[in-house]
Protein backbone atom coordinates (compact mmCIF):
# COMPACT_ATOMS: atom_id res chain seq x y z
CA MET A 1 8.74 1.12 20.64
CA ASN A 2 12.04 2.62 21.26
CA ARG A 3 13.74 -0.22 19.39
CA LEU A 4 11.25 0.03 16.46
CA ARG A 5 11.88 3.80 16.49
CA ALA A 6 15.44 3.36 16.29
CA VAL A 7 15.15 0.65 13.45
CA LEU A 8 12.79 2.99 11.29
CA HIS A 9 15.12 5.80 11.77
CA SER A 10 18.35 3.74 11.25
CA ARG A 11 20.61 4.74 8.36
CA ALA A 12 21.23 1.00 7.60
CA LEU A 13 17.50 0.27 6.82
CA MET A 14 17.70 3.28 4.45
CA VAL A 15 20.72 2.00 2.67
CA VAL A 16 19.26 -1.52 2.49
CA GLY A 17 15.91 -0.08 1.22
CA ILE A 18 17.45 1.87 -1.67
CA ALA A 19 19.90 -0.86 -2.60
CA VAL A 20 16.78 -3.22 -2.81
CA ALA A 21 14.82 -0.79 -4.86
CA LEU A 22 17.71 -0.55 -7.38
CA ALA A 23 18.49 -4.17 -7.54
CA VAL A 24 15.11 -5.54 -8.00
CA PRO A 25 14.47 -4.21 -11.29
CA ALA A 26 18.15 -4.29 -12.45
CA LEU A 27 18.16 -8.04 -11.65
CA THR A 28 14.69 -8.70 -12.95
CA LEU A 29 14.04 -6.68 -16.18
CA PRO A 30 17.00 -8.01 -18.08
CA ARG A 31 16.02 -11.44 -17.65
CA LEU A 32 12.43 -11.23 -19.13
CA PRO A 33 11.37 -11.59 -22.94
CA GLN A 34 11.57 -8.55 -24.71
CA VAL A 35 9.39 -6.02 -23.09
CA SER A 36 7.78 -2.96 -24.73
CA LEU A 37 8.12 0.29 -22.56
CA LEU A 38 5.26 2.24 -23.95
CA PRO A 39 2.17 0.23 -22.91
CA LEU A 40 4.17 -0.16 -19.69
CA LEU A 41 4.45 3.44 -19.16
CA LEU A 42 0.73 4.04 -20.19
CA GLY A 43 -0.26 1.53 -17.22
CA LEU A 44 2.38 2.83 -14.85
CA LEU A 45 1.14 6.57 -14.81
CA PRO A 46 -2.32 6.01 -13.55
CA TRP A 47 -1.11 3.48 -11.18
CA VAL A 48 1.29 6.19 -9.90
CA VAL A 49 -1.45 8.70 -9.28
CA GLY A 50 -3.57 5.93 -7.58
CA LYS A 51 -1.02 4.80 -5.16
CA TYR A 52 0.51 8.05 -4.41
CA VAL A 53 -2.44 10.39 -4.80
CA LEU A 54 -5.43 8.77 -4.45
CA CYS A 55 -4.46 6.45 -1.53
CA PRO A 56 -3.19 9.30 0.60
CA LEU A 57 -6.16 11.28 0.02
CA ARG A 58 -8.42 8.49 1.32
CA TRP A 59 -6.23 8.19 4.40
CA HIS A 60 -6.68 12.18 4.72
CA ALA A 61 -10.24 11.93 4.40
CA LEU A 62 -10.59 9.12 7.27
CA THR A 63 -8.28 10.90 9.56
CA ASP A 64 -9.33 14.00 11.16
CA ALA A 65 -6.59 14.95 12.77
CA GLY A 66 -5.35 18.32 11.54
CA PHE A 67 -2.49 17.15 8.79
CA SER A 68 -2.52 18.47 5.56
CA ARG A 69 -2.79 16.92 2.42
CA ARG A 70 0.77 17.42 1.66
CA TRP A 71 1.62 15.56 5.02
CA HIS A 72 -0.56 12.61 4.16
CA LEU A 73 1.10 12.34 0.68
CA ARG A 74 4.61 12.37 1.99
CA ALA A 75 4.07 10.06 4.85
CA TYR A 76 2.34 7.47 2.80
CA ALA A 77 5.11 7.78 0.01
CA GLU A 78 7.48 7.25 2.77
CA SER A 79 5.46 4.07 4.16
CA GLU A 80 5.45 2.60 0.74
CA LEU A 81 9.08 2.24 0.33
CA LEU A 82 9.64 0.75 3.95
CA GLY A 83 6.83 -1.58 3.11
CA LEU A 84 8.26 -2.81 0.05
CA VAL A 85 11.55 -4.02 2.05
CA THR A 86 9.66 -5.71 4.83
CA PRO A 87 7.82 -8.98 4.97
CA GLY A 88 4.20 -8.76 4.23
CA HIS A 89 4.49 -4.98 3.92
CA VAL A 90 4.26 -4.45 7.39
CA GLY A 91 6.93 -1.55 7.53
CA ALA A 92 4.16 0.73 5.82
CA ASP A 93 1.72 0.81 8.74
CA LEU A 94 4.27 0.76 11.17
CA TRP A 95 5.94 3.89 9.83
CA ARG A 96 2.42 5.52 9.26
CA LEU A 97 1.67 5.09 12.92
CA ARG A 98 5.22 6.31 13.99
CA ARG A 99 4.52 9.55 11.53
CA LEU A 100 1.17 9.99 13.33
CA THR A 101 2.31 9.84 16.71
CA THR A 102 5.59 11.92 16.09
CA GLY A 103 2.99 14.36 14.78
CA GLY A 104 1.10 14.72 18.23
CA LEU A 105 -1.74 12.10 17.68
CA GLY A 106 -2.32 9.53 20.32
CA ARG A 107 -1.46 5.95 19.80
CA ALA A 108 -5.14 4.69 20.10
CA ASP A 109 -6.15 7.49 17.38
CA ALA A 110 -3.13 6.39 15.29
CA VAL A 111 -4.06 2.75 15.22
CA THR A 112 -7.73 3.72 14.44
CA SER A 113 -6.49 5.92 11.69
CA VAL A 114 -4.32 3.15 9.95
CA ALA A 115 -6.78 0.46 10.60
CA LEU A 116 -9.85 2.39 9.36
CA ASP A 117 -7.86 3.31 6.14
CA ARG A 118 -6.88 -0.38 5.54
CA PHE A 119 -10.62 -1.58 6.26
CA VAL A 120 -12.07 0.98 3.83
CA GLY A 121 -9.42 -0.01 1.27
CA ALA A 122 -10.53 -3.74 1.81
CA ILE A 123 -14.16 -2.90 1.44
CA GLY A 124 -13.40 -1.08 -1.68
CA LEU A 125 -11.15 -4.09 -2.72
CA SER A 126 -14.04 -6.43 -2.17
CA VAL A 127 -16.36 -4.25 -4.24
CA PHE A 128 -14.25 -4.47 -7.11
CA VAL A 129 -13.57 -8.05 -6.81
CA VAL A 130 -17.51 -8.61 -7.06
CA PHE A 131 -17.48 -5.91 -9.82
CA ALA A 132 -14.88 -7.80 -11.64
CA GLY A 133 -17.07 -10.95 -11.75
CA THR A 134 -15.17 -13.05 -9.19
CA ALA A 135 -17.04 -14.84 -6.42
CA LEU A 136 -15.74 -14.60 -2.99
CA PRO A 137 -15.34 -17.91 -1.14
CA LEU A 138 -17.80 -18.76 1.67
CA ARG A 139 -14.65 -19.45 3.95
CA THR A 140 -13.32 -16.15 3.19
CA ILE A 141 -16.52 -14.31 3.83
CA ALA A 142 -16.94 -16.39 7.22
CA ILE A 143 -13.39 -15.42 8.23
CA ALA A 144 -14.31 -11.60 7.44
CA ILE A 145 -17.31 -11.81 9.58
CA GLY A 146 -15.74 -13.67 12.43
CA VAL A 147 -12.87 -10.99 12.52
CA ALA A 148 -15.36 -8.21 12.50
CA ALA A 149 -17.20 -9.73 15.38
CA LEU A 150 -14.03 -10.33 17.40
CA VAL A 151 -13.19 -6.67 16.92
CA LEU A 152 -16.57 -5.38 17.93
CA GLY A 153 -16.38 -7.72 20.93
CA ALA A 154 -12.97 -6.48 21.86
CA LEU A 155 -14.04 -2.65 21.58
CA LEU A 156 -16.91 -3.44 23.74
CA VAL A 157 -14.77 -4.96 26.35
CA LEU A 158 -12.37 -2.26 26.44
CA ARG A 159 -15.07 0.21 26.59
CA VAL A 160 -16.03 -0.99 29.93
CA VAL A 161 -12.36 -2.17 31.32
CA ARG A 162 -9.88 0.14 29.82
CA PRO A 163 -11.75 3.24 28.38
CA GLY A 164 -8.31 5.06 27.97
CA LEU A 165 -7.14 2.53 25.35
CA LEU A 166 -10.35 3.66 23.21
CA PRO A 167 -9.59 6.63 20.54
CA SER A 168 -10.54 9.96 21.77
CA ARG A 169 -11.56 11.14 18.47
CA PRO A 170 -15.01 10.60 16.92
CA LEU A 171 -15.02 8.26 13.92
CA PRO A 172 -15.64 9.47 10.72
CA GLY A 173 -19.18 9.85 9.30
CA PRO A 174 -20.91 8.48 6.16
CA ARG A 175 -19.63 11.32 3.86
CA PRO A 176 -15.74 10.73 4.55
CA LEU A 177 -16.49 6.91 4.36
CA ALA A 178 -18.27 7.22 1.10
CA HIS A 179 -15.38 9.49 -0.17
CA GLY A 180 -12.82 6.97 1.08
CA LEU A 181 -14.62 4.08 -0.79
CA LEU A 182 -14.74 6.12 -3.95
CA LEU A 183 -11.15 7.02 -3.99
CA SER A 184 -10.19 3.12 -3.06
CA ALA A 185 -12.37 2.15 -5.93
CA GLY A 186 -10.25 4.55 -7.92
CA TYR A 187 -7.02 3.22 -6.75
CA GLN A 188 -8.16 -0.32 -7.86
CA ALA A 189 -8.97 0.78 -11.35
CA THR A 190 -5.53 2.01 -11.67
CA THR A 191 -3.91 -1.13 -10.67
CA ALA A 192 -5.94 -3.03 -13.19
CA ALA A 193 -4.62 -0.44 -15.89
CA LEU A 194 -0.88 -1.29 -14.72
CA LEU A 195 -1.76 -4.89 -15.07
CA LEU A 196 -3.33 -4.23 -18.41
CA GLY A 197 -0.22 -2.37 -19.55
CA SER A 198 2.18 -4.96 -18.27
CA VAL A 199 0.34 -7.67 -20.31
CA ALA A 200 0.46 -5.40 -23.12
CA ALA A 201 4.13 -4.78 -22.85
CA THR A 202 4.76 -8.60 -23.30
CA GLY A 203 3.11 -8.72 -26.66
CA HIS A 204 -0.21 -9.99 -25.82
CA THR A 205 -3.50 -8.41 -25.33
CA LEU A 206 -6.57 -9.01 -23.35
CA ALA A 207 -9.90 -7.44 -22.98
CA PRO A 208 -10.24 -5.12 -20.09
CA LEU A 209 -12.98 -7.25 -18.52
CA GLU A 210 -10.78 -10.21 -18.82
CA VAL A 211 -7.80 -8.34 -16.87
CA LEU A 212 -10.37 -7.25 -14.21
CA ALA A 213 -11.54 -10.94 -13.84
CA ALA A 214 -7.97 -12.08 -13.53
CA PHE A 215 -7.08 -9.22 -11.10
CA GLY A 216 -10.23 -9.97 -8.87
CA ALA A 217 -9.60 -13.79 -8.78
CA SER A 218 -5.83 -12.98 -7.79
CA GLN A 219 -6.96 -10.75 -4.90
CA VAL A 220 -8.78 -13.37 -3.12
CA ALA A 221 -5.36 -15.05 -2.34
CA GLY A 222 -3.98 -11.73 -1.11
CA ALA A 223 -5.07 -12.70 2.60
CA LEU A 224 -1.91 -14.84 2.55
CA PRO A 225 1.47 -12.71 3.21
CA GLY A 226 4.43 -12.88 1.06
CA PRO A 227 7.47 -10.93 -0.21
CA HIS A 228 6.52 -8.10 -2.98
CA GLY A 229 6.45 -9.77 -6.43
CA ALA A 230 6.41 -13.48 -5.02
CA SER A 231 3.40 -13.65 -2.80
CA PRO A 232 0.49 -16.05 -3.36
CA ARG A 233 -1.51 -13.17 -4.81
CA ASP A 234 1.27 -12.94 -7.61
CA GLY A 235 1.13 -16.66 -8.33
CA ALA A 236 -2.62 -16.46 -8.53
CA LEU A 237 -2.41 -13.65 -11.03
CA VAL A 238 -0.08 -15.66 -13.41
CA VAL A 239 -2.37 -18.38 -13.11
CA GLY A 240 -5.61 -16.38 -14.06
CA LEU A 241 -3.46 -14.83 -17.09
CA VAL A 242 -2.69 -18.25 -18.23
CA ALA A 243 -6.32 -19.41 -18.09
CA LEU A 244 -7.12 -16.46 -20.16
CA GLY A 245 -4.63 -17.86 -23.06
CA VAL A 246 -1.86 -15.98 -22.09
CA PRO A 247 1.45 -18.18 -22.23
CA TRP A 248 3.17 -19.01 -19.01
CA LEU A 249 6.35 -17.07 -19.92
CA ALA A 250 4.68 -13.92 -20.94
CA ALA A 251 2.17 -14.16 -17.93
CA ALA A 252 5.06 -14.68 -15.33
CA ALA A 253 6.99 -11.59 -17.25
CA ALA A 254 3.93 -9.62 -16.90
CA VAL A 255 3.61 -9.98 -13.22
CA ALA A 256 7.36 -9.60 -12.53
CA VAL A 257 7.51 -6.46 -14.45
CA LYS A 258 4.52 -5.01 -12.65
CA ALA A 259 5.99 -5.96 -9.54
CA ALA A 260 9.42 -4.72 -10.40
CA VAL A 261 8.28 -1.07 -11.57
CA ALA A 262 6.55 -0.56 -8.43
CA TRP A 263 10.06 -0.03 -7.09
CA LEU A 264 10.65 3.08 -9.02
CA PRO A 265 8.32 5.59 -7.84
CA ALA A 266 8.65 4.00 -4.29
CA LEU A 267 12.53 5.07 -4.72
CA VAL A 268 11.80 8.46 -6.29
CA LEU A 269 8.80 9.70 -4.19
CA GLY A 270 9.31 7.75 -0.93
CA GLY A 271 13.05 7.79 -0.71
CA THR A 272 13.34 11.62 -1.39
CA SER A 273 10.56 12.26 1.17
CA LEU A 274 12.19 9.97 3.81
CA LEU A 275 15.53 11.76 3.27
CA VAL A 276 13.79 15.13 4.09
CA THR A 277 11.85 13.73 6.92
CA ARG A 278 14.83 12.55 8.51
CA ARG A 279 16.44 15.92 8.03
CA GLU A 280 13.47 17.54 9.68
CA LEU A 281 13.52 15.29 12.71
CA ARG A 282 17.36 15.63 13.10
CA ARG A 283 16.83 19.29 13.42
CA ARG A 284 13.97 19.22 16.00
CA VAL A 285 16.14 16.80 18.12
CA LEU A 286 19.62 18.74 17.65
CA PRO A 287 20.06 21.93 19.91
CA GLU A 288 20.08 25.34 18.10
CA PRO A 289 23.56 26.78 18.37
CA ALA A 290 24.44 29.51 20.87
CA PRO A 291 24.27 33.11 19.45
CA GLY A 292 27.81 33.88 18.20
CA VAL A 293 28.83 30.35 17.82
CA ALA A 294 30.04 29.44 14.45
């Protein structure tokens, strides 16, 4: 954990993250066909609200730990920037865990908070996929049921063998869970809006329900990890758009634009908050100067 702390707070990681955040759009966008900015911006704005407002509010609704909404907004924005520069977005969850434990929350409760937020997000995504008219493969459903059974079994064993490893705080009730699911559905809708705007930016149009179907089908491939912008989910999305009649080049351009523009709010919101957080942590660690010392 000390090594992880040093990595996450290192200046080198921040410099690399900012450099990558600037390089990805700079290298990607000039290579694409002509892109219209207006529909892209019209899709980007609701997605920014979904990613950086609805998702942190979902996390806040599921985490009864005394942290303010503003705290969750900042911590989530920071985690998104670190997630974009780490494989499989793993840095996002690690940073959120670090922020929770630094704020005084126990490790087991912090893990439960992040895991529950991911779980509710996955349920919201599954509902959205079904709503989009995409059937989930039986293998995917079987894996999900198997993982849930293993988690439940592990919790029962820990309850008897090592009860100290279980979270001390009660799990959220039906109302916070329903609130989280509603916010998760709203976020998925904004993601579909960004995809719709990205396709329109390449000069092609699709019906909203067709975009929902392509988006829902691509999420089935999201279980396989990959780098941002070049994951199996992105590849499946390109294939789905092509199946709907979008040319290969335009489909690839739309997905590339969608991935590239995600760096911009991550850099502005997450990068700014991360700098402020680092300064606050340094002030807590550094001793106060003695009275009369310049």
